[in-house]
Amino acid sequence: MRHLAVSSFKPPDWGYSHAVRDHACALAAADHAAIHDNVMLAAAYLHDIHGFAPWVKPKAIIRMSTPMR
């Protein structure tokens, strides 16, 4: 998971580094919750994968930028 993030999520300041910060925040917020660390890691590292090649989907970006009615 980390290798995928380091090698694919560019630029790293809002790619890999963002995922690391999200993971740390999720662990701190979860405190004593019964959520496995691997689940938290996967969620933190993959929640923005749609923004990086080759997973980016231009149609999805257009839809997200359209004002809600």
PDB file of N, CA and C in Angstrom:
ATOM      1  N   MET A   1       0.822  -1.175   0.000  1.00  0.00           N
ATOM      2  CA  MET A   1       0.000   0.000   0.000  1.00  0.00           C
ATOM      3  C   MET A   1       0.876   1.253   0.000  1.00  0.00           C
ATOM      4  N   ARG A   2       1.858   1.278   0.887  1.00  0.00           N
ATOM      5  CA  ARG A   2       2.741   2.447   0.951  1.00  0.00           C
ATOM      6  C   ARG A   2       3.541   2.607  -0.339  1.00  0.00           C
ATOM      7  N   HIS A   3       4.026   1.503  -0.891  1.00  0.00           N
ATOM      8  CA  HIS A   3       4.792   1.569  -2.141  1.00  0.00           C
ATOM      9  C   HIS A   3       3.929   2.147  -3.265  1.00  0.00           C
ATOM     10  N   LEU A   4       2.695   1.699  -3.360  1.00  0.00           N
ATOM     11  CA  LEU A   4       1.776   2.228  -4.371  1.00  0.00           C
ATOM     12  C   LEU A   4       1.601   3.732  -4.190  1.00  0.00           C
ATOM     13  N   ALA A   5       1.393   4.169  -2.963  1.00  0.00           N
ATOM     14  CA  ALA A   5       1.183   5.597  -2.699  1.00  0.00           C
ATOM     15  C   ALA A   5       2.428   6.419  -3.018  1.00  0.00           C
ATOM     16  N   VAL A   6       3.581   5.957  -2.580  1.00  0.00           N
ATOM     17  CA  VAL A   6       4.827   6.702  -2.828  1.00  0.00           C
ATOM     18  C   VAL A   6       5.105   6.801  -4.320  1.00  0.00           C
ATOM     19  N   SER A   7       4.900   5.721  -5.043  1.00  0.00           N
ATOM     20  CA  SER A   7       5.260   5.703  -6.457  1.00  0.00           C
ATOM     21  C   SER A   7       4.204   6.326  -7.371  1.00  0.00           C
ATOM     22  N   SER A   8       2.959   6.413  -6.920  1.00  0.00           N
ATOM     23  CA  SER A   8       1.886   6.841  -7.816  1.00  0.00           C
ATOM     24  C   SER A   8       1.213   8.162  -7.466  1.00  0.00           C
ATOM     25  N   PHE A   9       1.188   8.530  -6.204  1.00  0.00           N
ATOM     26  CA  PHE A   9       0.414   9.698  -5.791  1.00  0.00           C
ATOM     27  C   PHE A   9       1.282  10.944  -5.848  1.00  0.00           C
ATOM     28  N   LYS A  10       1.324  11.570  -7.028  1.00  0.00           N
ATOM     29  CA  LYS A  10       2.140  12.764  -7.266  1.00  0.00           C
ATOM     30  C   LYS A  10       1.231  13.946  -7.540  1.00  0.00           C
ATOM     31  N   PRO A  11       1.497  15.127  -7.046  1.00  0.00           N
ATOM     32  CA  PRO A  11       2.640  15.503  -6.229  1.00  0.00           C
ATOM     33  C   PRO A  11       2.497  14.952  -4.811  1.00  0.00           C
ATOM     34  N   PRO A  12       3.622  14.631  -4.186  1.00  0.00           N
ATOM     35  CA  PRO A  12       3.582  13.977  -2.885  1.00  0.00           C
ATOM     36  C   PRO A  12       2.983  14.811  -1.758  1.00  0.00           C
ATOM     37  N   ASP A  13       3.028  16.136  -1.860  1.00  0.00           N
ATOM     38  CA  ASP A  13       2.511  16.944  -0.742  1.00  0.00           C
ATOM     39  C   ASP A  13       1.004  16.793  -0.561  1.00  0.00           C
ATOM     40  N   TRP A  14       0.255  16.546  -1.631  1.00  0.00           N
ATOM     41  CA  TRP A  14      -1.166  16.277  -1.444  1.00  0.00           C
ATOM     42  C   TRP A  14      -1.516  14.868  -1.894  1.00  0.00           C
ATOM     43  N   GLY A  15      -0.490  14.074  -2.148  1.00  0.00           N
ATOM     44  CA  GLY A  15      -0.675  12.664  -2.490  1.00  0.00           C
ATOM     45  C   GLY A  15      -0.252  11.806  -1.319  1.00  0.00           C
ATOM     46  N   TYR A  16       0.990  11.353  -1.357  1.00  0.00           N
ATOM     47  CA  TYR A  16       1.485  10.450  -0.316  1.00  0.00           C
ATOM     48  C   TYR A  16       1.482  11.103   1.065  1.00  0.00           C
ATOM     49  N   SER A  17       2.005  12.309   1.187  1.00  0.00           N
ATOM     50  CA  SER A  17       2.072  12.967   2.501  1.00  0.00           C
ATOM     51  C   SER A  17       0.675  13.176   3.081  1.00  0.00           C
ATOM     52  N   HIS A  18      -0.266  13.487   2.219  1.00  0.00           N
ATOM     53  CA  HIS A  18      -1.659  13.660   2.652  1.00  0.00           C
ATOM     54  C   HIS A  18      -2.202  12.348   3.217  1.00  0.00           C
ATOM     55  N   ALA A  19      -1.909  11.249   2.541  1.00  0.00           N
ATOM     56  CA  ALA A  19      -2.371   9.943   3.005  1.00  0.00           C
ATOM     57  C   ALA A  19      -1.763   9.592   4.362  1.00  0.00           C
ATOM     58  N   VAL A  20      -0.492   9.898   4.546  1.00  0.00           N
ATOM     59  CA  VAL A  20       0.180   9.635   5.829  1.00  0.00           C
ATOM     60  C   VAL A  20      -0.483  10.453   6.937  1.00  0.00           C
ATOM     61  N   ARG A  21      -0.756  11.732   6.662  1.00  0.00           N
ATOM     62  CA  ARG A  21      -1.415  12.586   7.664  1.00  0.00           C
ATOM     63  C   ARG A  21      -2.822  12.074   7.974  1.00  0.00           C
ATOM     64  N   ASP A  22      -3.553  11.671   6.936  1.00  0.00           N
ATOM     65  CA  ASP A  22      -4.901  11.135   7.158  1.00  0.00           C
ATOM     66  C   ASP A  22      -4.860   9.890   8.033  1.00  0.00           C
ATOM     67  N   HIS A  23      -3.902   9.029   7.787  1.00  0.00           N
ATOM     68  CA  HIS A  23      -3.780   7.802   8.569  1.00  0.00           C
ATOM     69  C   HIS A  23      -3.487   8.127  10.029  1.00  0.00           C
ATOM     70  N   ALA A  24      -2.580   9.046  10.266  1.00  0.00           N
ATOM     71  CA  ALA A  24      -2.239   9.436  11.643  1.00  0.00           C
ATOM     72  C   ALA A  24      -3.455  10.050  12.344  1.00  0.00           C
ATOM     73  N   CYS A  25      -4.178  10.902  11.641  1.00  0.00           N
ATOM     74  CA  CYS A  25      -5.380  11.523  12.224  1.00  0.00           C
ATOM     75  C   CYS A  25      -6.456  10.477  12.511  1.00  0.00           C
ATOM     76  N   ALA A  26      -6.634   9.539  11.600  1.00  0.00           N
ATOM     77  CA  ALA A  26      -7.645   8.492  11.791  1.00  0.00           C
ATOM     78  C   ALA A  26      -7.304   7.627  12.994  1.00  0.00           C
ATOM     79  N   LEU A  27      -6.035   7.286  13.159  1.00  0.00           N
ATOM     80  CA  LEU A  27      -5.630   6.480  14.318  1.00  0.00           C
ATOM     81  C   LEU A  27      -5.856   7.245  15.615  1.00  0.00           C
ATOM     82  N   ALA A  28      -5.531   8.521  15.612  1.00  0.00           N
ATOM     83  CA  ALA A  28      -5.726   9.334  16.813  1.00  0.00           C
ATOM     84  C   ALA A  28      -7.212   9.483  17.139  1.00  0.00           C
ATOM     85  N   ALA A  29      -8.024   9.689  16.121  1.00  0.00           N
ATOM     86  CA  ALA A  29      -9.461   9.870  16.337  1.00  0.00           C
ATOM     87  C   ALA A  29     -10.139   8.568  16.752  1.00  0.00           C
ATOM     88  N   ALA A  30      -9.648   7.449  16.250  1.00  0.00           N
ATOM     89  CA  ALA A  30     -10.256   6.162  16.556  1.00  0.00           C
ATOM     90  C   ALA A  30     -10.015   5.749  18.000  1.00  0.00           C
ATOM     91  N   ASP A  31      -8.892   6.199  18.553  1.00  0.00           N
ATOM     92  CA  ASP A  31      -8.509   5.925  19.941  1.00  0.00           C
ATOM     93  C   ASP A  31      -8.692   4.456  20.297  1.00  0.00           C
ATOM     94  N   HIS A  32      -9.806   4.103  20.887  1.00  0.00           N
ATOM     95  CA  HIS A  32     -10.003   2.708  21.316  1.00  0.00           C
ATOM     96  C   HIS A  32     -11.086   2.007  20.508  1.00  0.00           C
ATOM     97  N   ALA A  33     -11.406   2.528  19.351  1.00  0.00           N
ATOM     98  CA  ALA A  33     -12.428   1.898  18.513  1.00  0.00           C
ATOM     99  C   ALA A  33     -11.933   0.550  18.008  1.00  0.00           C
ATOM    100  N   ALA A  34     -12.853  -0.327  17.760  1.00  0.00           N
ATOM    101  CA  ALA A  34     -12.510  -1.673  17.310  1.00  0.00           C
ATOM    102  C   ALA A  34     -12.395  -1.709  15.786  1.00  0.00           C
ATOM    103  N   ILE A  35     -11.473  -0.917  15.253  1.00  0.00           N
ATOM    104  CA  ILE A  35     -11.225  -0.892  13.810  1.00  0.00           C
ATOM    105  C   ILE A  35      -9.782  -1.307  13.590  1.00  0.00           C
ATOM    106  N   HIS A  36      -9.569  -2.293  12.763  1.00  0.00           N
ATOM    107  CA  HIS A  36      -8.226  -2.799  12.526  1.00  0.00           C
ATOM    108  C   HIS A  36      -7.380  -1.738  11.831  1.00  0.00           C
ATOM    109  N   ASP A  37      -6.117  -1.631  12.213  1.00  0.00           N
ATOM    110  CA  ASP A  37      -5.218  -0.634  11.649  1.00  0.00           C
ATOM    111  C   ASP A  37      -5.072  -0.773  10.141  1.00  0.00           C
ATOM    112  N   ASN A  38      -5.111  -1.993   9.630  1.00  0.00           N
ATOM    113  CA  ASN A  38      -4.986  -2.180   8.179  1.00  0.00           C
ATOM    114  C   ASN A  38      -6.176  -1.573   7.425  1.00  0.00           C
ATOM    115  N   VAL A  39      -7.346  -1.607   8.031  1.00  0.00           N
ATOM    116  CA  VAL A  39      -8.525  -0.995   7.415  1.00  0.00           C
ATOM    117  C   VAL A  39      -8.351   0.518   7.388  1.00  0.00           C
ATOM    118  N   MET A  40      -7.865   1.087   8.500  1.00  0.00           N
ATOM    119  CA  MET A  40      -7.626   2.530   8.570  1.00  0.00           C
ATOM    120  C   MET A  40      -6.556   2.944   7.554  1.00  0.00           C
ATOM    121  N   LEU A  41      -5.516   2.133   7.423  1.00  0.00           N
ATOM    122  CA  LEU A  41      -4.440   2.437   6.487  1.00  0.00           C
ATOM    123  C   LEU A  41      -4.981   2.439   5.055  1.00  0.00           C
ATOM    124  N   ALA A  42      -5.728   1.410   4.697  1.00  0.00           N
ATOM    125  CA  ALA A  42      -6.273   1.327   3.342  1.00  0.00           C
ATOM    126  C   ALA A  42      -7.207   2.502   3.048  1.00  0.00           C
ATOM    127  N   ALA A  43      -8.054   2.849   3.985  1.00  0.00           N
ATOM    128  CA  ALA A  43      -8.977   3.968   3.778  1.00  0.00           C
ATOM    129  C   ALA A  43      -8.211   5.277   3.618  1.00  0.00           C
ATOM    130  N   ALA A  44      -7.230   5.500   4.460  1.00  0.00           N
ATOM    131  CA  ALA A  44      -6.453   6.745   4.401  1.00  0.00           C
ATOM    132  C   ALA A  44      -5.654   6.848   3.108  1.00  0.00           C
ATOM    133  N   TYR A  45      -5.078   5.742   2.679  1.00  0.00           N
ATOM    134  CA  TYR A  45      -4.213   5.777   1.499  1.00  0.00           C
ATOM    135  C   TYR A  45      -4.994   5.760   0.191  1.00  0.00           C
ATOM    136  N   LEU A  46      -6.197   5.210   0.186  1.00  0.00           N
ATOM    137  CA  LEU A  46      -6.907   5.034  -1.081  1.00  0.00           C
ATOM    138  C   LEU A  46      -8.078   5.992  -1.299  1.00  0.00           C
ATOM    139  N   HIS A  47      -8.434   6.801  -0.324  1.00  0.00           N
ATOM    140  CA  HIS A  47      -9.646   7.621  -0.462  1.00  0.00           C
ATOM    141  C   HIS A  47      -9.543   8.675  -1.561  1.00  0.00           C
ATOM    142  N   ASP A  48      -8.354   9.064  -1.975  1.00  0.00           N
ATOM    143  CA  ASP A  48      -8.199  10.054  -3.045  1.00  0.00           C
ATOM    144  C   ASP A  48      -7.578   9.468  -4.311  1.00  0.00           C
ATOM    145  N   ILE A  49      -7.565   8.158  -4.441  1.00  0.00           N
ATOM    146  CA  ILE A  49      -6.887   7.505  -5.565  1.00  0.00           C
ATOM    147  C   ILE A  49      -7.457   7.954  -6.909  1.00  0.00           C
ATOM    148  N   HIS A  50      -8.718   8.345  -6.931  1.00  0.00           N
ATOM    149  CA  HIS A  50      -9.368   8.768  -8.186  1.00  0.00           C
ATOM    150  C   HIS A  50      -8.735  10.024  -8.779  1.00  0.00           C
ATOM    151  N   GLY A  51      -7.906  10.720  -8.027  1.00  0.00           N
ATOM    152  CA  GLY A  51      -7.284  11.937  -8.516  1.00  0.00           C
ATOM    153  C   GLY A  51      -5.926  11.744  -9.158  1.00  0.00           C
ATOM    154  N   PHE A  52      -5.452  10.512  -9.215  1.00  0.00           N
ATOM    155  CA  PHE A  52      -4.109  10.237  -9.732  1.00  0.00           C
ATOM    156  C   PHE A  52      -4.166   9.256 -10.892  1.00  0.00           C
ATOM    157  N   ALA A  53      -3.306   9.502 -11.897  1.00  0.00           N
ATOM    158  CA  ALA A  53      -3.208   8.581 -13.030  1.00  0.00           C
ATOM    159  C   ALA A  53      -2.666   7.247 -12.527  1.00  0.00           C
ATOM    160  N   PRO A  54      -3.111   6.157 -13.027  1.00  0.00           N
ATOM    161  CA  PRO A  54      -4.039   5.958 -14.146  1.00  0.00           C
ATOM    162  C   PRO A  54      -5.502   5.835 -13.698  1.00  0.00           C
ATOM    163  N   TRP A  55      -5.814   6.176 -12.468  1.00  0.00           N
ATOM    164  CA  TRP A  55      -7.171   5.985 -11.951  1.00  0.00           C
ATOM    165  C   TRP A  55      -8.074   7.196 -12.166  1.00  0.00           C
ATOM    166  N   VAL A  56      -7.518   8.322 -12.567  1.00  0.00           N
ATOM    167  CA  VAL A  56      -8.324   9.526 -12.734  1.00  0.00           C
ATOM    168  C   VAL A  56      -9.368   9.318 -13.830  1.00  0.00           C
ATOM    169  N   LYS A  57     -10.548   9.792 -13.563  1.00  0.00           N
ATOM    170  CA  LYS A  57     -11.635   9.681 -14.525  1.00  0.00           C
ATOM    171  C   LYS A  57     -12.159  11.096 -14.788  1.00  0.00           C
ATOM    172  N   PRO A  58     -11.790  11.684 -15.941  1.00  0.00           N
ATOM    173  CA  PRO A  58     -12.184  13.063 -16.237  1.00  0.00           C
ATOM    174  C   PRO A  58     -13.680  13.327 -16.111  1.00  0.00           C
ATOM    175  N   LYS A  59     -14.507  12.383 -16.499  1.00  0.00           N
ATOM    176  CA  LYS A  59     -15.948  12.556 -16.406  1.00  0.00           C
ATOM    177  C   LYS A  59     -16.377  12.756 -14.947  1.00  0.00           C
ATOM    178  N   ALA A  60     -15.776  12.006 -14.043  1.00  0.00           N
ATOM    179  CA  ALA A  60     -16.107  12.126 -12.623  1.00  0.00           C
ATOM    180  C   ALA A  60     -15.716  13.501 -12.098  1.00  0.00           C
ATOM    181  N   ILE A  61     -14.597  14.032 -12.558  1.00  0.00           N
ATOM    182  CA  ILE A  61     -14.150  15.345 -12.110  1.00  0.00           C
ATOM    183  C   ILE A  61     -15.131  16.413 -12.584  1.00  0.00           C
ATOM    184  N   ILE A  62     -15.601  16.302 -13.801  1.00  0.00           N
ATOM    185  CA  ILE A  62     -16.571  17.261 -14.330  1.00  0.00           C
ATOM    186  C   ILE A  62     -17.852  17.216 -13.498  1.00  0.00           C
ATOM    187  N   ARG A  63     -18.314  16.029 -13.187  1.00  0.00           N
ATOM    188  CA  ARG A  63     -19.527  15.885 -12.399  1.00  0.00           C
ATOM    189  C   ARG A  63     -19.356  16.496 -11.017  1.00  0.00           C
ATOM    190  N   MET A  64     -18.203  16.296 -10.393  1.00  0.00           N
ATOM    191  CA  MET A  64     -17.971  16.815  -9.054  1.00  0.00           C
ATOM    192  C   MET A  64     -17.880  18.336  -9.045  1.00  0.00           C
ATOM    193  N   SER A  65     -17.435  18.945 -10.135  1.00  0.00           N
ATOM    194  CA  SER A  65     -17.277  20.382 -10.162  1.00  0.00           C
ATOM    195  C   SER A  65     -18.545  21.117 -10.577  1.00  0.00           C
ATOM    196  N   THR A  66     -19.569  20.386 -10.977  1.00  0.00           N
ATOM    197  CA  THR A  66     -20.835  20.990 -11.353  1.00  0.00           C
ATOM    198  C   THR A  66     -21.609  21.380 -10.100  1.00  0.00           C
ATOM    199  N   PRO A  67     -22.143  22.604 -10.060  1.00  0.00           N
ATOM    200  CA  PRO A  67     -22.889  23.024  -8.859  1.00  0.00           C
ATOM    201  C   PRO A  67     -24.063  22.086  -8.582  1.00  0.00           C
ATOM    202  N   MET A  68     -24.290  21.856  -7.308  1.00  0.00           N
ATOM    203  CA  MET A  68     -25.413  21.009  -6.909  1.00  0.00           C
ATOM    204  C   MET A  68     -26.719  21.785  -7.071  1.00  0.00           C
ATOM    205  N   ARG A  69     -27.760  21.108  -7.434  1.00  0.00           N
ATOM    206  CA  ARG A  69     -29.079  21.757  -7.593  1.00  0.00           C
ATOM    207  C   ARG A  69     -29.992  21.354  -6.475  1.00  0.00           C
TER     208      ARG A  69
END
